[in-house]
N, C-alpha and C. Protein backbone atom coordinates (compact mmCIF):
# COMPACT_ATOMS: atom_id res chain seq x y z
N MET A 1 -15.04 -18.57 28.66
CA MET A 1 -14.97 -17.59 27.60
C MET A 1 -13.57 -16.98 27.50
N GLY A 2 -12.57 -17.74 27.89
CA GLY A 2 -11.19 -17.27 27.79
C GLY A 2 -10.69 -17.35 26.37
N SER A 3 -9.41 -17.20 26.20
CA SER A 3 -8.83 -17.25 24.86
C SER A 3 -8.82 -18.69 24.36
N PHE A 4 -8.80 -18.81 23.03
CA PHE A 4 -8.82 -20.14 22.43
C PHE A 4 -7.44 -20.76 22.50
N SER A 5 -7.39 -22.06 22.70
CA SER A 5 -6.12 -22.77 22.72
C SER A 5 -5.73 -23.16 21.30
N ILE A 6 -4.56 -23.72 21.14
CA ILE A 6 -4.08 -24.14 19.82
C ILE A 6 -4.99 -25.21 19.24
N TRP A 7 -5.57 -26.06 20.08
CA TRP A 7 -6.45 -27.14 19.60
C TRP A 7 -7.73 -26.57 19.00
N HIS A 8 -8.24 -25.51 19.57
CA HIS A 8 -9.44 -24.88 18.99
C HIS A 8 -9.15 -24.36 17.58
N TRP A 9 -8.00 -23.70 17.43
CA TRP A 9 -7.64 -23.14 16.13
C TRP A 9 -7.39 -24.24 15.10
N LEU A 10 -6.78 -25.35 15.52
CA LEU A 10 -6.54 -26.46 14.60
C LEU A 10 -7.87 -27.08 14.13
N ILE A 11 -8.83 -27.20 15.02
CA ILE A 11 -10.13 -27.74 14.64
C ILE A 11 -10.83 -26.79 13.67
N VAL A 12 -10.77 -25.49 13.91
CA VAL A 12 -11.37 -24.51 13.01
C VAL A 12 -10.70 -24.59 11.64
N LEU A 13 -9.37 -24.70 11.61
CA LEU A 13 -8.64 -24.82 10.34
C LEU A 13 -9.04 -26.08 9.60
N LEU A 14 -9.18 -27.19 10.30
CA LEU A 14 -9.58 -28.45 9.69
C LEU A 14 -10.98 -28.35 9.08
N VAL A 15 -11.91 -27.71 9.79
CA VAL A 15 -13.27 -27.54 9.28
C VAL A 15 -13.26 -26.66 8.03
N VAL A 16 -12.48 -25.59 8.04
CA VAL A 16 -12.41 -24.70 6.87
C VAL A 16 -11.85 -25.44 5.66
N VAL A 17 -10.81 -26.25 5.88
CA VAL A 17 -10.22 -27.02 4.77
C VAL A 17 -11.23 -28.04 4.25
N LEU A 18 -11.96 -28.69 5.15
CA LEU A 18 -12.95 -29.67 4.71
C LEU A 18 -14.09 -29.02 3.95
N VAL A 19 -14.51 -27.84 4.35
CA VAL A 19 -15.63 -27.17 3.70
C VAL A 19 -15.22 -26.63 2.33
N PHE A 20 -14.11 -25.92 2.26
CA PHE A 20 -13.72 -25.26 1.02
C PHE A 20 -12.80 -26.08 0.14
N GLY A 21 -12.00 -26.95 0.71
CA GLY A 21 -11.06 -27.73 -0.07
C GLY A 21 -9.75 -26.99 -0.26
N THR A 22 -8.68 -27.74 -0.43
CA THR A 22 -7.35 -27.13 -0.53
C THR A 22 -7.16 -26.38 -1.84
N LYS A 23 -7.78 -26.87 -2.93
CA LYS A 23 -7.61 -26.20 -4.21
C LYS A 23 -8.23 -24.81 -4.19
N LYS A 24 -9.44 -24.71 -3.65
CA LYS A 24 -10.11 -23.41 -3.59
C LYS A 24 -9.37 -22.46 -2.67
N LEU A 25 -8.85 -22.97 -1.54
CA LEU A 25 -8.08 -22.11 -0.62
C LEU A 25 -6.77 -21.66 -1.25
N GLY A 26 -6.14 -22.53 -2.04
CA GLY A 26 -4.91 -22.15 -2.74
C GLY A 26 -5.16 -21.06 -3.76
N ASN A 27 -6.26 -21.20 -4.50
CA ASN A 27 -6.61 -20.16 -5.47
C ASN A 27 -6.93 -18.84 -4.79
N LEU A 28 -7.58 -18.92 -3.64
CA LEU A 28 -7.91 -17.72 -2.89
C LEU A 28 -6.62 -17.01 -2.45
N GLY A 29 -5.65 -17.77 -1.97
CA GLY A 29 -4.37 -17.18 -1.57
C GLY A 29 -3.63 -16.54 -2.73
N LYS A 30 -3.68 -17.22 -3.89
CA LYS A 30 -3.03 -16.68 -5.08
C LYS A 30 -3.70 -15.38 -5.53
N ASP A 31 -5.02 -15.37 -5.50
CA ASP A 31 -5.76 -14.17 -5.90
C ASP A 31 -5.48 -13.01 -4.95
N MET A 32 -5.42 -13.29 -3.66
CA MET A 32 -5.13 -12.24 -2.69
C MET A 32 -3.72 -11.68 -2.91
N GLY A 33 -2.77 -12.55 -3.19
CA GLY A 33 -1.39 -12.10 -3.43
C GLY A 33 -1.30 -11.21 -4.66
N SER A 34 -1.97 -11.60 -5.73
CA SER A 34 -1.91 -10.78 -6.95
C SER A 34 -2.66 -9.46 -6.75
N ALA A 35 -3.72 -9.47 -5.95
CA ALA A 35 -4.44 -8.22 -5.69
C ALA A 35 -3.58 -7.26 -4.88
N ILE A 36 -2.86 -7.77 -3.90
CA ILE A 36 -1.98 -6.92 -3.09
C ILE A 36 -0.85 -6.38 -3.95
N LYS A 37 -0.29 -7.23 -4.80
CA LYS A 37 0.80 -6.79 -5.68
C LYS A 37 0.32 -5.69 -6.64
N GLY A 38 -0.87 -5.87 -7.20
CA GLY A 38 -1.43 -4.85 -8.09
C GLY A 38 -1.70 -3.55 -7.37
N PHE A 39 -2.17 -3.65 -6.12
CA PHE A 39 -2.43 -2.45 -5.33
C PHE A 39 -1.14 -1.69 -5.06
N LYS A 40 -0.08 -2.40 -4.70
CA LYS A 40 1.21 -1.75 -4.44
C LYS A 40 1.75 -1.08 -5.71
N GLU A 41 1.63 -1.75 -6.85
CA GLU A 41 2.10 -1.15 -8.10
C GLU A 41 1.26 0.08 -8.45
N GLY A 42 -0.03 0.01 -8.19
CA GLY A 42 -0.90 1.16 -8.45
C GLY A 42 -0.55 2.35 -7.57
N MET A 43 -0.24 2.10 -6.33
CA MET A 43 0.16 3.18 -5.43
C MET A 43 1.50 3.76 -5.85
N LYS A 44 2.39 2.92 -6.32
CA LYS A 44 3.71 3.40 -6.74
C LYS A 44 3.59 4.30 -7.97
N THR A 45 2.78 3.94 -8.94
CA THR A 45 2.65 4.77 -10.14
C THR A 45 1.89 6.05 -9.83
N ASP A 46 0.93 6.01 -8.89
CA ASP A 46 0.24 7.23 -8.50
C ASP A 46 1.19 8.21 -7.83
N ASP A 47 2.11 7.71 -7.02
CA ASP A 47 3.10 8.58 -6.38
C ASP A 47 4.02 9.20 -7.41
N ASP A 48 4.41 8.43 -8.42
CA ASP A 48 5.27 8.95 -9.46
C ASP A 48 4.56 10.05 -10.26
N LYS A 49 3.28 9.84 -10.54
CA LYS A 49 2.54 10.83 -11.31
C LYS A 49 2.31 12.11 -10.52
N SER A 50 2.00 11.99 -9.24
CA SER A 50 1.71 13.18 -8.45
C SER A 50 2.99 13.93 -8.06
N GLY A 51 4.13 13.27 -8.10
CA GLY A 51 5.39 13.91 -7.73
C GLY A 51 5.86 14.94 -8.74
N SER A 52 5.51 14.77 -10.00
CA SER A 52 5.95 15.70 -11.03
C SER A 52 4.77 16.53 -11.50
N ALA A 53 4.52 17.60 -10.79
CA ALA A 53 3.45 18.52 -11.17
C ALA A 53 3.94 19.41 -12.30
N PRO A 54 3.03 20.00 -13.07
CA PRO A 54 3.46 20.88 -14.16
C PRO A 54 4.25 22.08 -13.63
N GLY A 55 5.35 22.36 -14.29
CA GLY A 55 6.15 23.51 -13.90
C GLY A 55 7.22 23.18 -12.86
N THR A 56 7.27 21.97 -12.38
CA THR A 56 8.29 21.58 -11.43
C THR A 56 9.18 20.52 -12.05
N PRO A 57 10.46 20.56 -11.76
CA PRO A 57 11.35 19.55 -12.32
C PRO A 57 11.07 18.19 -11.70
N SER A 58 11.25 17.13 -12.50
CA SER A 58 10.97 15.80 -12.00
C SER A 58 12.12 15.26 -11.16
N GLN A 59 13.32 15.80 -11.32
CA GLN A 59 14.47 15.36 -10.53
C GLN A 59 15.14 16.57 -9.90
N GLN A 60 15.70 16.36 -8.73
CA GLN A 60 16.44 17.44 -8.08
C GLN A 60 17.87 17.42 -8.60
N ILE A 61 18.40 18.60 -8.81
CA ILE A 61 19.77 18.73 -9.29
C ILE A 61 20.65 19.00 -8.09
N SER A 62 21.59 18.12 -7.86
CA SER A 62 22.46 18.30 -6.70
C SER A 62 23.69 19.12 -7.10
N GLY A 63 24.18 19.88 -6.16
CA GLY A 63 25.39 20.65 -6.40
C GLY A 63 25.13 22.05 -6.93
N GLN A 64 23.89 22.43 -7.16
CA GLN A 64 23.58 23.76 -7.66
C GLN A 64 22.62 24.44 -6.70
N THR A 65 22.80 25.73 -6.54
CA THR A 65 21.92 26.52 -5.69
C THR A 65 20.93 27.26 -6.56
N ILE A 66 19.69 27.16 -6.21
CA ILE A 66 18.65 27.87 -6.94
C ILE A 66 18.21 29.05 -6.08
N GLU A 67 18.35 30.25 -6.63
CA GLU A 67 17.99 31.44 -5.89
C GLU A 67 16.66 31.99 -6.39
N GLY A 68 15.96 32.64 -5.51
CA GLY A 68 14.69 33.24 -5.88
C GLY A 68 14.26 34.19 -4.79
N GLU A 69 13.15 34.85 -4.99
CA GLU A 69 12.64 35.76 -3.98
C GLU A 69 11.15 35.51 -3.78
N VAL A 70 10.69 35.83 -2.59
CA VAL A 70 9.29 35.65 -2.24
C VAL A 70 8.51 36.85 -2.72
N LYS A 71 7.47 36.64 -3.50
CA LYS A 71 6.68 37.75 -4.00
C LYS A 71 5.62 38.19 -3.00
N SER A 72 5.03 37.23 -2.31
CA SER A 72 4.04 37.57 -1.31
C SER A 72 4.10 36.51 -0.21
N LYS A 73 3.75 36.95 0.98
CA LYS A 73 3.76 36.04 2.12
C LYS A 73 2.39 36.10 2.78
N THR A 74 1.81 34.95 2.98
CA THR A 74 0.50 34.90 3.63
C THR A 74 0.64 34.32 5.01
N GLU A 75 -0.11 34.84 5.93
CA GLU A 75 -0.11 34.34 7.29
C GLU A 75 -1.41 33.61 7.54
N SER A 76 -1.31 32.46 8.17
CA SER A 76 -2.52 31.72 8.48
C SER A 76 -2.84 31.91 9.95
N LYS A 77 -4.08 32.24 10.23
CA LYS A 77 -4.51 32.43 11.60
C LYS A 77 -5.20 31.17 12.07
N VAL A 78 -4.69 30.60 13.14
CA VAL A 78 -5.25 29.34 13.65
C VAL A 78 -6.07 29.59 14.86
C-alpha cells in the first residue's frame, strides 16, 4: 500500500484515454481552460466595481495632500 510508481500512473492514463478518447479529453481541457479564464475575468471586473464605491474617487491623485478632520471616533472592545 505504498505510493504508486510511474508505471501505475501510466497504466491509469492509458485506461482513461482508452475509455474517454483523445477528442473528448481535448474538449474537456479546452472547456476547463475557458472556464478558468472566464472566472478570472469575472473576479477582475468584480474588483473594479467594488473598488469605486459611491462618493469615493476612482483614482488616487498623487502629489496633493487631502486634509480633513475626524468627526467622531468609535472604540471597539474586543
